[in-house]
Amino acid sequence: MAATNQPISQETLQKQWYERCRTGNFSPAVLGVGTIRIFGKSGDTPLAFPRIASLAQIDALDADERWAIEIAQEMITAAQAKKRPVMATQPPLSGAAPNPTPVRTFDPKAEHILILSLTRGG
């Protein structure tokens, strides 16, 4: 009987990605783990994604790593559609002020991406 390629569920991919983050067992193309922080009313929610040199390398990733990249891209696209500011930052350095830059498209090399809340005056 021939094997069939069944699609992997989103839940399974998420569990595999969380386990990979826990163990640090990444594909060779992965430079490290980046974080998107999604700011909201109850604080910020971190979302990890595999950092790679470019999206051209996505085929070199395992299914759960590709899933995490796709989720990160979707989060940024959704935030921009809602006109939420999206900024990239570098890791904090002692004695240096942060210098966030606007994100126009998802950069898979970024270490820290912030999805900020809209501030409304009253």
PDB file of N, CA and C in Angstrom:
ATOM      1  N   MET A   1       0.840  -1.178   0.000  1.00  0.00           N
ATOM      2  CA  MET A   1       0.000   0.000   0.000  1.00  0.00           C
ATOM      3  C   MET A   1       0.886   1.243   0.000  1.00  0.00           C
ATOM      4  N   ALA A   2       0.588   2.175  -0.865  1.00  0.00           N
ATOM      5  CA  ALA A   2       1.388   3.393  -0.995  1.00  0.00           C
ATOM      6  C   ALA A   2       1.121   4.332   0.174  1.00  0.00           C
ATOM      7  N   ALA A   3       2.170   4.992   0.614  1.00  0.00           N
ATOM      8  CA  ALA A   3       2.028   5.963   1.706  1.00  0.00           C
ATOM      9  C   ALA A   3       1.388   7.234   1.158  1.00  0.00           C
ATOM     10  N   THR A   4       0.533   7.833   1.945  1.00  0.00           N
ATOM     11  CA  THR A   4      -0.077   9.102   1.551  1.00  0.00           C
ATOM     12  C   THR A   4       0.486  10.206   2.425  1.00  0.00           C
ATOM     13  N   ASN A   5       0.627  11.347   1.835  1.00  0.00           N
ATOM     14  CA  ASN A   5       1.115  12.508   2.584  1.00  0.00           C
ATOM     15  C   ASN A   5      -0.070  13.239   3.177  1.00  0.00           C
ATOM     16  N   GLN A   6      -0.322  13.001   4.439  1.00  0.00           N
ATOM     17  CA  GLN A   6      -1.397  13.682   5.139  1.00  0.00           C
ATOM     18  C   GLN A   6      -0.878  15.031   5.624  1.00  0.00           C
ATOM     19  N   PRO A   7      -1.672  16.081   5.479  1.00  0.00           N
ATOM     20  CA  PRO A   7      -1.229  17.371   6.020  1.00  0.00           C
ATOM     21  C   PRO A   7      -1.109  17.296   7.543  1.00  0.00           C
ATOM     22  N   ILE A   8      -0.129  17.999   8.052  1.00  0.00           N
ATOM     23  CA  ILE A   8       0.083  18.045   9.500  1.00  0.00           C
ATOM     24  C   ILE A   8      -0.799  19.145  10.060  1.00  0.00           C
ATOM     25  N   SER A   9      -1.468  18.869  11.167  1.00  0.00           N
ATOM     26  CA  SER A   9      -2.374  19.857  11.756  1.00  0.00           C
ATOM     27  C   SER A   9      -1.590  21.042  12.312  1.00  0.00           C
ATOM     28  N   GLN A  10      -2.268  22.179  12.376  1.00  0.00           N
ATOM     29  CA  GLN A  10      -1.669  23.390  12.948  1.00  0.00           C
ATOM     30  C   GLN A  10      -1.249  23.150  14.397  1.00  0.00           C
ATOM     31  N   GLU A  11      -2.076  22.415  15.122  1.00  0.00           N
ATOM     32  CA  GLU A  11      -1.773  22.120  16.530  1.00  0.00           C
ATOM     33  C   GLU A  11      -0.489  21.297  16.646  1.00  0.00           C
ATOM     34  N   THR A  12      -0.323  20.313  15.773  1.00  0.00           N
ATOM     35  CA  THR A  12       0.883  19.483  15.795  1.00  0.00           C
ATOM     36  C   THR A  12       2.114  20.316  15.458  1.00  0.00           C
ATOM     37  N   LEU A  13       2.005  21.158  14.435  1.00  0.00           N
ATOM     38  CA  LEU A  13       3.127  22.022  14.064  1.00  0.00           C
ATOM     39  C   LEU A  13       3.498  22.958  15.209  1.00  0.00           C
ATOM     40  N   GLN A  14       2.493  23.511  15.882  1.00  0.00           N
ATOM     41  CA  GLN A  14       2.750  24.403  17.016  1.00  0.00           C
ATOM     42  C   GLN A  14       3.482  23.651  18.129  1.00  0.00           C
ATOM     43  N   LYS A  15       3.019  22.451  18.457  1.00  0.00           N
ATOM     44  CA  LYS A  15       3.676  21.662  19.509  1.00  0.00           C
ATOM     45  C   LYS A  15       5.115  21.336  19.124  1.00  0.00           C
ATOM     46  N   GLN A  16       5.331  20.959  17.862  1.00  0.00           N
ATOM     47  CA  GLN A  16       6.685  20.646  17.406  1.00  0.00           C
ATOM     48  C   GLN A  16       7.586  21.877  17.482  1.00  0.00           C
ATOM     49  N   TRP A  17       7.049  23.045  17.112  1.00  0.00           N
ATOM     50  CA  TRP A  17       7.832  24.277  17.164  1.00  0.00           C
ATOM     51  C   TRP A  17       8.194  24.627  18.604  1.00  0.00           C
ATOM     52  N   TYR A  18       7.236  24.531  19.529  1.00  0.00           N
ATOM     53  CA  TYR A  18       7.526  24.833  20.933  1.00  0.00           C
ATOM     54  C   TYR A  18       8.580  23.877  21.489  1.00  0.00           C
ATOM     55  N   GLU A  19       8.501  22.615  21.116  1.00  0.00           N
ATOM     56  CA  GLU A  19       9.490  21.635  21.572  1.00  0.00           C
ATOM     57  C   GLU A  19      10.866  21.960  20.983  1.00  0.00           C
ATOM     58  N   ARG A  20      10.899  22.353  19.728  1.00  0.00           N
ATOM     59  CA  ARG A  20      12.164  22.714  19.087  1.00  0.00           C
ATOM     60  C   ARG A  20      12.789  23.925  19.797  1.00  0.00           C
ATOM     61  N   CYS A  21      11.968  24.899  20.151  1.00  0.00           N
ATOM     62  CA  CYS A  21      12.470  26.071  20.884  1.00  0.00           C
ATOM     63  C   CYS A  21      13.011  25.664  22.248  1.00  0.00           C
ATOM     64  N   ARG A  22      12.335  24.722  22.885  1.00  0.00           N
ATOM     65  CA  ARG A  22      12.766  24.259  24.207  1.00  0.00           C
ATOM     66  C   ARG A  22      14.116  23.548  24.132  1.00  0.00           C
ATOM     67  N   THR A  23      14.301  22.727  23.095  1.00  0.00           N
ATOM     68  CA  THR A  23      15.522  21.926  22.987  1.00  0.00           C
ATOM     69  C   THR A  23      16.647  22.630  22.233  1.00  0.00           C
ATOM     70  N   GLY A  24      16.302  23.632  21.414  1.00  0.00           N
ATOM     71  CA  GLY A  24      17.316  24.326  20.630  1.00  0.00           C
ATOM     72  C   GLY A  24      17.811  23.530  19.433  1.00  0.00           C
ATOM     73  N   ASN A  25      17.055  22.529  19.012  1.00  0.00           N
ATOM     74  CA  ASN A  25      17.443  21.664  17.896  1.00  0.00           C
ATOM     75  C   ASN A  25      16.862  22.209  16.591  1.00  0.00           C
ATOM     76  N   PHE A  26      17.555  23.187  15.990  1.00  0.00           N
ATOM     77  CA  PHE A  26      17.056  23.869  14.801  1.00  0.00           C
ATOM     78  C   PHE A  26      17.731  23.349  13.538  1.00  0.00           C
ATOM     79  N   SER A  27      17.104  23.590  12.402  1.00  0.00           N
ATOM     80  CA  SER A  27      17.692  23.265  11.106  1.00  0.00           C
ATOM     81  C   SER A  27      18.960  24.097  10.904  1.00  0.00           C
ATOM     82  N   PRO A  28      19.902  23.619  10.082  1.00  0.00           N
ATOM     83  CA  PRO A  28      21.153  24.361   9.867  1.00  0.00           C
ATOM     84  C   PRO A  28      20.959  25.789   9.343  1.00  0.00           C
ATOM     85  N   ALA A  29      19.891  26.063   8.610  1.00  0.00           N
ATOM     86  CA  ALA A  29      19.663  27.408   8.054  1.00  0.00           C
ATOM     87  C   ALA A  29      19.243  28.429   9.109  1.00  0.00           C
ATOM     88  N   VAL A  30      18.859  27.970  10.287  1.00  0.00           N
ATOM     89  CA  VAL A  30      18.358  28.871  11.333  1.00  0.00           C
ATOM     90  C   VAL A  30      19.528  29.563  12.035  1.00  0.00           C
ATOM     91  N   LEU A  31      19.478  30.910  12.050  1.00  0.00           N
ATOM     92  CA  LEU A  31      20.513  31.727  12.689  1.00  0.00           C
ATOM     93  C   LEU A  31      20.303  31.851  14.191  1.00  0.00           C
ATOM     94  N   GLY A  32      19.082  31.692  14.629  1.00  0.00           N
ATOM     95  CA  GLY A  32      18.697  31.856  16.027  1.00  0.00           C
ATOM     96  C   GLY A  32      17.194  32.048  16.086  1.00  0.00           C
ATOM     97  N   VAL A  33      16.717  32.463  17.230  1.00  0.00           N
ATOM     98  CA  VAL A  33      15.278  32.673  17.402  1.00  0.00           C
ATOM     99  C   VAL A  33      15.013  34.166  17.536  1.00  0.00           C
ATOM    100  N   GLY A  34      14.080  34.661  16.740  1.00  0.00           N
ATOM    101  CA  GLY A  34      13.628  36.036  16.853  1.00  0.00           C
ATOM    102  C   GLY A  34      12.336  36.078  17.650  1.00  0.00           C
ATOM    103  N   THR A  35      11.981  37.251  18.108  1.00  0.00           N
ATOM    104  CA  THR A  35      10.762  37.404  18.899  1.00  0.00           C
ATOM    105  C   THR A  35       9.949  38.585  18.398  1.00  0.00           C
ATOM    106  N   ILE A  36       8.666  38.337  18.206  1.00  0.00           N
ATOM    107  CA  ILE A  36       7.713  39.414  17.959  1.00  0.00           C
ATOM    108  C   ILE A  36       6.982  39.623  19.272  1.00  0.00           C
ATOM    109  N   ARG A  37       6.945  40.850  19.742  1.00  0.00           N
ATOM    110  CA  ARG A  37       6.182  41.171  20.952  1.00  0.00           C
ATOM    111  C   ARG A  37       4.953  41.946  20.522  1.00  0.00           C
ATOM    112  N   ILE A  38       3.798  41.382  20.839  1.00  0.00           N
ATOM    113  CA  ILE A  38       2.524  41.970  20.454  1.00  0.00           C
ATOM    114  C   ILE A  38       1.947  42.654  21.684  1.00  0.00           C
ATOM    115  N   PHE A  39       1.949  43.982  21.673  1.00  0.00           N
ATOM    116  CA  PHE A  39       1.490  44.748  22.823  1.00  0.00           C
ATOM    117  C   PHE A  39      -0.026  44.901  22.782  1.00  0.00           C
ATOM    118  N   GLY A  40      -0.631  44.727  23.952  1.00  0.00           N
ATOM    119  CA  GLY A  40      -2.078  44.855  24.067  1.00  0.00           C
ATOM    120  C   GLY A  40      -2.460  45.396  25.425  1.00  0.00           C
ATOM    121  N   LYS A  41      -3.745  45.357  25.736  1.00  0.00           N
ATOM    122  CA  LYS A  41      -4.259  45.915  26.991  1.00  0.00           C
ATOM    123  C   LYS A  41      -3.701  45.214  28.218  1.00  0.00           C
ATOM    124  N   SER A  42      -3.424  43.914  28.111  1.00  0.00           N
ATOM    125  CA  SER A  42      -2.965  43.168  29.282  1.00  0.00           C
ATOM    126  C   SER A  42      -1.463  42.881  29.240  1.00  0.00           C
ATOM    127  N   GLY A  43      -0.713  43.702  28.530  1.00  0.00           N
ATOM    128  CA  GLY A  43       0.733  43.505  28.469  1.00  0.00           C
ATOM    129  C   GLY A  43       1.165  43.113  27.075  1.00  0.00           C
ATOM    130  N   ASP A  44       2.279  42.385  27.008  1.00  0.00           N
ATOM    131  CA  ASP A  44       2.744  41.973  25.691  1.00  0.00           C
ATOM    132  C   ASP A  44       2.823  40.456  25.608  1.00  0.00           C
ATOM    133  N   THR A  45       2.573  39.947  24.411  1.00  0.00           N
ATOM    134  CA  THR A  45       2.609  38.516  24.155  1.00  0.00           C
ATOM    135  C   THR A  45       3.778  38.238  23.220  1.00  0.00           C
ATOM    136  N   PRO A  46       4.739  37.393  23.646  1.00  0.00           N
ATOM    137  CA  PRO A  46       5.857  37.080  22.761  1.00  0.00           C
ATOM    138  C   PRO A  46       5.497  35.958  21.782  1.00  0.00           C
ATOM    139  N   LEU A  47       6.021  36.059  20.578  1.00  0.00           N
ATOM    140  CA  LEU A  47       5.849  35.038  19.553  1.00  0.00           C
ATOM    141  C   LEU A  47       7.228  34.777  18.956  1.00  0.00           C
ATOM    142  N   ALA A  48       7.723  33.556  19.103  1.00  0.00           N
ATOM    143  CA  ALA A  48       9.054  33.203  18.603  1.00  0.00           C
ATOM    144  C   ALA A  48       8.971  32.740  17.150  1.00  0.00           C
ATOM    145  N   PHE A  49      10.021  33.047  16.392  1.00  0.00           N
ATOM    146  CA  PHE A  49      10.125  32.565  15.015  1.00  0.00           C
ATOM    147  C   PHE A  49      11.595  32.270  14.710  1.00  0.00           C
ATOM    148  N   PRO A  50      11.859  31.348  13.776  1.00  0.00           N
ATOM    149  CA  PRO A  50      13.251  31.057  13.435  1.00  0.00           C
ATOM    150  C   PRO A  50      13.832  32.165  12.564  1.00  0.00           C
ATOM    151  N   ARG A  51      14.978  32.672  12.955  1.00  0.00           N
ATOM    152  CA  ARG A  51      15.650  33.695  12.156  1.00  0.00           C
ATOM    153  C   ARG A  51      16.453  33.005  11.057  1.00  0.00           C
ATOM    154  N   ILE A  52      16.250  33.455   9.821  1.00  0.00           N
ATOM    155  CA  ILE A  52      16.995  32.928   8.682  1.00  0.00           C
ATOM    156  C   ILE A  52      17.512  34.107   7.859  1.00  0.00           C
ATOM    157  N   ALA A  53      18.525  33.859   7.030  1.00  0.00           N
ATOM    158  CA  ALA A  53      19.152  34.939   6.263  1.00  0.00           C
ATOM    159  C   ALA A  53      18.184  35.585   5.283  1.00  0.00           C
ATOM    160  N   SER A  54      17.299  34.792   4.681  1.00  0.00           N
ATOM    161  CA  SER A  54      16.298  35.343   3.769  1.00  0.00           C
ATOM    162  C   SER A  54      15.166  34.338   3.601  1.00  0.00           C
ATOM    163  N   LEU A  55      14.037  34.836   3.116  1.00  0.00           N
ATOM    164  CA  LEU A  55      12.897  33.950   2.893  1.00  0.00           C
ATOM    165  C   LEU A  55      13.179  32.933   1.793  1.00  0.00           C
ATOM    166  N   ALA A  56      14.216  33.154   0.994  1.00  0.00           N
ATOM    167  CA  ALA A  56      14.605  32.186  -0.031  1.00  0.00           C
ATOM    168  C   ALA A  56      15.061  30.867   0.595  1.00  0.00           C
ATOM    169  N   GLN A  57      15.417  30.891   1.875  1.00  0.00           N
ATOM    170  CA  GLN A  57      15.875  29.686   2.568  1.00  0.00           C
ATOM    171  C   GLN A  57      14.747  28.909   3.238  1.00  0.00           C
ATOM    172  N   ILE A  58      13.519  29.334   3.071  1.00  0.00           N
ATOM    173  CA  ILE A  58      12.417  28.709   3.798  1.00  0.00           C
ATOM    174  C   ILE A  58      12.269  27.225   3.461  1.00  0.00           C
ATOM    175  N   ASP A  59      12.614  26.829   2.244  1.00  0.00           N
ATOM    176  CA  ASP A  59      12.503  25.419   1.869  1.00  0.00           C
ATOM    177  C   ASP A  59      13.516  24.539   2.590  1.00  0.00           C
ATOM    178  N   ALA A  60      14.556  25.132   3.168  1.00  0.00           N
ATOM    179  CA  ALA A  60      15.559  24.376   3.916  1.00  0.00           C
ATOM    180  C   ALA A  60      15.114  24.104   5.354  1.00  0.00           C
ATOM    181  N   LEU A  61      13.956  24.639   5.742  1.00  0.00           N
ATOM    182  CA  LEU A  61      13.460  24.482   7.111  1.00  0.00           C
ATOM    183  C   LEU A  61      12.524  23.287   7.218  1.00  0.00           C
ATOM    184  N   ASP A  62      12.400  22.770   8.429  1.00  0.00           N
ATOM    185  CA  ASP A  62      11.417  21.719   8.700  1.00  0.00           C
ATOM    186  C   ASP A  62      10.026  22.342   8.745  1.00  0.00           C
ATOM    187  N   ALA A  63       9.010  21.493   8.660  1.00  0.00           N
ATOM    188  CA  ALA A  63       7.618  21.959   8.561  1.00  0.00           C
ATOM    189  C   ALA A  63       7.225  22.891   9.703  1.00  0.00           C
ATOM    190  N   ASP A  64       7.617  22.567  10.938  1.00  0.00           N
ATOM    191  CA  ASP A  64       7.230  23.413  12.068  1.00  0.00           C
ATOM    192  C   ASP A  64       7.948  24.760  12.033  1.00  0.00           C
ATOM    193  N   GLU A  65       9.173  24.791  11.529  1.00  0.00           N
ATOM    194  CA  GLU A  65       9.899  26.056  11.405  1.00  0.00           C
ATOM    195  C   GLU A  65       9.250  26.926  10.329  1.00  0.00           C
ATOM    196  N   ARG A  66       8.861  26.316   9.215  1.00  0.00           N
ATOM    197  CA  ARG A  66       8.138  27.062   8.168  1.00  0.00           C
ATOM    198  C   ARG A  66       6.823  27.598   8.726  1.00  0.00           C
ATOM    199  N   TRP A  67       6.132  26.784   9.525  1.00  0.00           N
ATOM    200  CA  TRP A  67       4.871  27.196  10.148  1.00  0.00           C
ATOM    201  C   TRP A  67       5.106  28.449  11.001  1.00  0.00           C
ATOM    202  N   ALA A  68       6.166  28.448  11.807  1.00  0.00           N
ATOM    203  CA  ALA A  68       6.450  29.586  12.693  1.00  0.00           C
ATOM    204  C   ALA A  68       6.751  30.851  11.885  1.00  0.00           C
ATOM    205  N   ILE A  69       7.468  30.716  10.777  1.00  0.00           N
ATOM    206  CA  ILE A  69       7.736  31.871   9.898  1.00  0.00           C
ATOM    207  C   ILE A  69       6.422  32.390   9.324  1.00  0.00           C
ATOM    208  N   GLU A  70       5.568  31.483   8.857  1.00  0.00           N
ATOM    209  CA  GLU A  70       4.282  31.892   8.273  1.00  0.00           C
ATOM    210  C   GLU A  70       3.409  32.611   9.298  1.00  0.00           C
ATOM    211  N   ILE A  71       3.387  32.119  10.532  1.00  0.00           N
ATOM    212  CA  ILE A  71       2.605  32.769  11.594  1.00  0.00           C
ATOM    213  C   ILE A  71       3.162  34.171  11.858  1.00  0.00           C
ATOM    214  N   ALA A  72       4.480  34.299  11.921  1.00  0.00           N
ATOM    215  CA  ALA A  72       5.103  35.613  12.147  1.00  0.00           C
ATOM    216  C   ALA A  72       4.724  36.582  11.029  1.00  0.00           C
ATOM    217  N   GLN A  73       4.794  36.120   9.786  1.00  0.00           N
ATOM    218  CA  GLN A  73       4.416  36.972   8.653  1.00  0.00           C
ATOM    219  C   GLN A  73       2.951  37.385   8.756  1.00  0.00           C
ATOM    220  N   GLU A  74       2.084  36.436   9.100  1.00  0.00           N
ATOM    221  CA  GLU A  74       0.651  36.731   9.227  1.00  0.00           C
ATOM    222  C   GLU A  74       0.385  37.758  10.319  1.00  0.00           C
ATOM    223  N   MET A  75       1.093  37.655  11.442  1.00  0.00           N
ATOM    224  CA  MET A  75       0.896  38.599  12.548  1.00  0.00           C
ATOM    225  C   MET A  75       1.273  40.019  12.121  1.00  0.00           C
ATOM    226  N   ILE A  76       2.373  40.152  11.411  1.00  0.00           N
ATOM    227  CA  ILE A  76       2.810  41.475  10.962  1.00  0.00           C
ATOM    228  C   ILE A  76       1.843  42.030   9.926  1.00  0.00           C
ATOM    229  N   THR A  77       1.431  41.207   8.982  1.00  0.00           N
ATOM    230  CA  THR A  77       0.478  41.647   7.955  1.00  0.00           C
ATOM    231  C   THR A  77      -0.839  42.080   8.586  1.00  0.00           C
ATOM    232  N   ALA A  78      -1.335  41.304   9.553  1.00  0.00           N
ATOM    233  CA  ALA A  78      -2.597  41.644  10.229  1.00  0.00           C
ATOM    234  C   ALA A  78      -2.464  42.950  11.004  1.00  0.00           C
ATOM    235  N   ALA A  79      -1.344  43.138  11.693  1.00  0.00           N
ATOM    236  CA  ALA A  79      -1.130  44.377  12.453  1.00  0.00           C
ATOM    237  C   ALA A  79      -1.084  45.581  11.518  1.00  0.00           C
ATOM    238  N   GLN A  80      -0.396  45.442  10.407  1.00  0.00           N
ATOM    239  CA  GLN A  80      -0.308  46.553   9.461  1.00  0.00           C
ATOM    240  C   GLN A  80      -1.666  46.858   8.837  1.00  0.00           C
ATOM    241  N   ALA A  81      -2.473  45.832   8.604  1.00  0.00           N
ATOM    242  CA  ALA A  81      -3.817  46.050   8.057  1.00  0.00           C
ATOM    243  C   ALA A  81      -4.682  46.842   9.034  1.00  0.00           C
ATOM    244  N   LYS A  82      -4.402  46.678  10.341  1.00  0.00           N
ATOM    245  CA  LYS A  82      -5.136  47.418  11.375  1.00  0.00           C
ATOM    246  C   LYS A  82      -4.459  48.746  11.703  1.00  0.00           C
ATOM    247  N   LYS A  83      -3.451  49.108  10.912  1.00  0.00           N
ATOM    248  CA  LYS A  83      -2.707  50.371  11.084  1.00  0.00           C
ATOM    249  C   LYS A  83      -1.944  50.433  12.404  1.00  0.00           C
ATOM    250  N   ARG A  84      -1.595  49.268  12.964  1.00  0.00           N
ATOM    251  CA  ARG A  84      -0.782  49.249  14.179  1.00  0.00           C
ATOM    252  C   ARG A  84       0.681  49.451  13.803  1.00  0.00           C
ATOM    253  N   PRO A  85       1.410  50.255  14.562  1.00  0.00           N
ATOM    254  CA  PRO A  85       2.831  50.441  14.281  1.00  0.00           C
ATOM    255  C   PRO A  85       3.607  49.137  14.510  1.00  0.00           C
ATOM    256  N   VAL A  86       4.489  48.810  13.574  1.00  0.00           N
ATOM    257  CA  VAL A  86       5.359  47.637  13.691  1.00  0.00           C
ATOM    258  C   VAL A  86       6.792  48.147  13.590  1.00  0.00           C
ATOM    259  N   MET A  87       7.596  47.840  14.610  1.00  0.00           N
ATOM    260  CA  MET A  87       8.961  48.354  14.689  1.00  0.00           C
ATOM    261  C   MET A  87       9.941  47.210  14.940  1.00  0.00           C
ATOM    262  N   ALA A  88      11.130  47.323  14.356  1.00  0.00           N
ATOM    263  CA  ALA A  88      12.216  46.385  14.634  1.00  0.00           C
ATOM    264  C   ALA A  88      13.202  47.074  15.564  1.00  0.00           C
ATOM    265  N   THR A  89      13.717  46.325  16.523  1.00  0.00           N
ATOM    266  CA  THR A  89      14.712  46.867  17.445  1.00  0.00           C
ATOM    267  C   THR A  89      15.875  45.894  17.552  1.00  0.00           C
ATOM    268  N   GLN A  90      16.995  46.405  18.000  1.00  0.00           N
ATOM    269  CA  GLN A  90      18.159  45.573  18.270  1.00  0.00           C
ATOM    270  C   GLN A  90      18.164  45.242  19.754  1.00  0.00           C
ATOM    271  N   PRO A  91      18.897  44.209  20.149  1.00  0.00           N
ATOM    272  CA  PRO A  91      18.999  43.918  21.582  1.00  0.00           C
ATOM    273  C   PRO A  91      19.520  45.144  22.325  1.00  0.00           C
ATOM    274  N   PRO A  92      19.039  45.384  23.545  1.00  0.00           N
ATOM    275  CA  PRO A  92      19.470  46.566  24.296  1.00  0.00           C
ATOM    276  C   PRO A  92      20.966  46.531  24.601  1.00  0.00           C
ATOM    277  N   LEU A  93      21.589  47.685  24.472  1.00  0.00           N
ATOM    278  CA  LEU A  93      23.002  47.837  24.802  1.00  0.00           C
ATOM    279  C   LEU A  93      23.123  48.788  25.979  1.00  0.00           C
ATOM    280  N   SER A  94      24.039  48.502  26.863  1.00  0.00           N
ATOM    281  CA  SER A  94      24.250  49.337  28.035  1.00  0.00           C
ATOM    282  C   SER A  94      24.656  50.742  27.615  1.00  0.00           C
ATOM    283  N   GLY A  95      23.940  51.737  28.117  1.00  0.00           N
ATOM    284  CA  GLY A  95      24.266  53.126  27.863  1.00  0.00           C
ATOM    285  C   GLY A  95      23.819  53.658  26.512  1.00  0.00           C
ATOM    286  N   ALA A  96      23.122  52.846  25.728  1.00  0.00           N
ATOM    287  CA  ALA A  96      22.674  53.303  24.407  1.00  0.00           C
ATOM    288  C   ALA A  96      21.151  53.352  24.374  1.00  0.00           C
ATOM    289  N   ALA A  97      20.636  54.406  23.777  1.00  0.00           N
ATOM    290  CA  ALA A  97      19.184  54.529  23.635  1.00  0.00           C
ATOM    291  C   ALA A  97      18.711  53.601  22.513  1.00  0.00           C
ATOM    292  N   PRO A  98      17.535  53.003  22.674  1.00  0.00           N
ATOM    293  CA  PRO A  98      17.028  52.148  21.602  1.00  0.00           C
ATOM    294  C   PRO A  98      16.755  52.963  20.341  1.00  0.00           C
ATOM    295  N   ASN A  99      16.917  52.327  19.206  1.00  0.00           N
ATOM    296  CA  ASN A  99      16.703  53.000  17.930  1.00  0.00           C
ATOM    297  C   ASN A  99      15.788  52.134  17.053  1.00  0.00           C
ATOM    298  N   PRO A 100      14.485  52.100  17.365  1.00  0.00           N
ATOM    299  CA  PRO A 100      13.578  51.257  16.577  1.00  0.00           C
ATOM    300  C   PRO A 100      13.402  51.804  15.162  1.00  0.00           C
ATOM    301  N   THR A 101      13.221  50.891  14.220  1.00  0.00           N
ATOM    302  CA  THR A 101      12.981  51.280  12.832  1.00  0.00           C
ATOM    303  C   THR A 101      11.661  50.674  12.365  1.00  0.00           C
ATOM    304  N   PRO A 102      10.899  51.397  11.553  1.00  0.00           N
ATOM    305  CA  PRO A 102       9.621  50.875  11.070  1.00  0.00           C
ATOM    306  C   PRO A 102       9.818  49.617  10.214  1.00  0.00           C
ATOM    307  N   VAL A 103       8.903  48.676  10.361  1.00  0.00           N
ATOM    308  CA  VAL A 103       8.914  47.449   9.565  1.00  0.00           C
ATOM    309  C   VAL A 103       7.860  47.589   8.479  1.00  0.00           C
ATOM    310  N   ARG A 104       8.288  47.469   7.243  1.00  0.00           N
ATOM    311  CA  ARG A 104       7.350  47.527   6.119  1.00  0.00           C
ATOM    312  C   ARG A 104       7.008  46.123   5.631  1.00  0.00           C
ATOM    313  N   THR A 105       8.006  45.234   5.650  1.00  0.00           N
ATOM    314  CA  THR A 105       7.796  43.829   5.317  1.00  0.00           C
ATOM    315  C   THR A 105       8.548  42.984   6.335  1.00  0.00           C
ATOM    316  N   PHE A 106       8.104  41.767   6.522  1.00  0.00           N
ATOM    317  CA  PHE A 106       8.725  40.863   7.478  1.00  0.00           C
ATOM    318  C   PHE A 106      10.177  40.609   7.090  1.00  0.00           C
ATOM    319  N   ASP A 107      11.078  40.807   8.036  1.00  0.00           N
ATOM    320  CA  ASP A 107      12.502  40.535   7.845  1.00  0.00           C
ATOM    321  C   ASP A 107      12.854  39.318   8.685  1.00  0.00           C
ATOM    322  N   PRO A 108      13.145  38.172   8.050  1.00  0.00           N
ATOM    323  CA  PRO A 108      13.404  36.956   8.821  1.00  0.00           C
ATOM    324  C   PRO A 108      14.727  36.980   9.582  1.00  0.00           C
ATOM    325  N   LYS A 109      15.559  38.013   9.377  1.00  0.00           N
ATOM    326  CA  LYS A 109      16.810  38.140  10.130  1.00  0.00           C
ATOM    327  C   LYS A 109      16.623  38.917  11.428  1.00  0.00           C
ATOM    328  N   ALA A 110      15.510  39.630  11.558  1.00  0.00           N
ATOM    329  CA  ALA A 110      15.295  40.507  12.718  1.00  0.00           C
ATOM    330  C   ALA A 110      15.295  39.709  14.020  1.00  0.00           C
ATOM    331  N   GLU A 111      15.901  40.284  15.044  1.00  0.00           N
ATOM    332  CA  GLU A 111      15.909  39.637  16.356  1.00  0.00           C
ATOM    333  C   GLU A 111      14.683  40.013  17.180  1.00  0.00           C
ATOM    334  N   HIS A 112      14.292  41.281  17.115  1.00  0.00           N
ATOM    335  CA  HIS A 112      13.176  41.768  17.926  1.00  0.00           C
ATOM    336  C   HIS A 112      12.253  42.624  17.065  1.00  0.00           C
ATOM    337  N   ILE A 113      10.985  42.260  17.045  1.00  0.00           N
ATOM    338  CA  ILE A 113       9.967  43.037  16.336  1.00  0.00           C
ATOM    339  C   ILE A 113       8.866  43.359  17.335  1.00  0.00           C
ATOM    340  N   LEU A 114       8.425  44.603  17.338  1.00  0.00           N
ATOM    341  CA  LEU A 114       7.368  45.046  18.248  1.00  0.00           C
ATOM    342  C   LEU A 114       6.130  45.414  17.447  1.00  0.00           C
ATOM    343  N   ILE A 115       4.984  44.868  17.844  1.00  0.00           N
ATOM    344  CA  ILE A 115       3.702  45.295  17.295  1.00  0.00           C
ATOM    345  C   ILE A 115       3.052  46.114  18.395  1.00  0.00           C
ATOM    346  N   LEU A 116       3.004  47.424  18.180  1.00  0.00           N
ATOM    347  CA  LEU A 116       2.565  48.352  19.218  1.00  0.00           C
ATOM    348  C   LEU A 116       1.062  48.573  19.176  1.00  0.00           C
ATOM    349  N   SER A 117       0.535  49.009  20.290  1.00  0.00           N
ATOM    350  CA  SER A 117      -0.879  49.364  20.370  1.00  0.00           C
ATOM    351  C   SER A 117      -1.067  50.769  19.832  1.00  0.00           C
ATOM    352  N   LEU A 118      -2.223  51.011  19.281  1.00  0.00           N
ATOM    353  CA  LEU A 118      -2.559  52.367  18.860  1.00  0.00           C
ATOM    354  C   LEU A 118      -2.868  53.194  20.096  1.00  0.00           C
ATOM    355  N   THR A 119      -2.346  54.390  20.150  1.00  0.00           N
ATOM    356  CA  THR A 119      -2.620  55.282  21.267  1.00  0.00           C
ATOM    357  C   THR A 119      -3.715  56.243  20.839  1.00  0.00           C
ATOM    358  N   ARG A 120      -4.757  56.269  21.629  1.00  0.00           N
ATOM    359  CA  ARG A 120      -5.869  57.174  21.330  1.00  0.00           C
ATOM    360  C   ARG A 120      -5.960  58.214  22.436  1.00  0.00           C
ATOM    361  N   GLY A 121      -6.007  59.457  22.031  1.00  0.00           N
ATOM    362  CA  GLY A 121      -6.140  60.536  23.006  1.00  0.00           C
ATOM    363  C   GLY A 121      -7.580  60.683  23.453  1.00  0.00           C
ATOM    364  N   GLY A 122      -7.774  61.398  24.541  1.00  0.00           N
ATOM    365  CA  GLY A 122      -9.141  61.528  25.019  1.00  0.00           C
ATOM    366  C   GLY A 122      -9.432  62.829  25.633  1.00  0.00           C
TER     367      GLY A 122
END
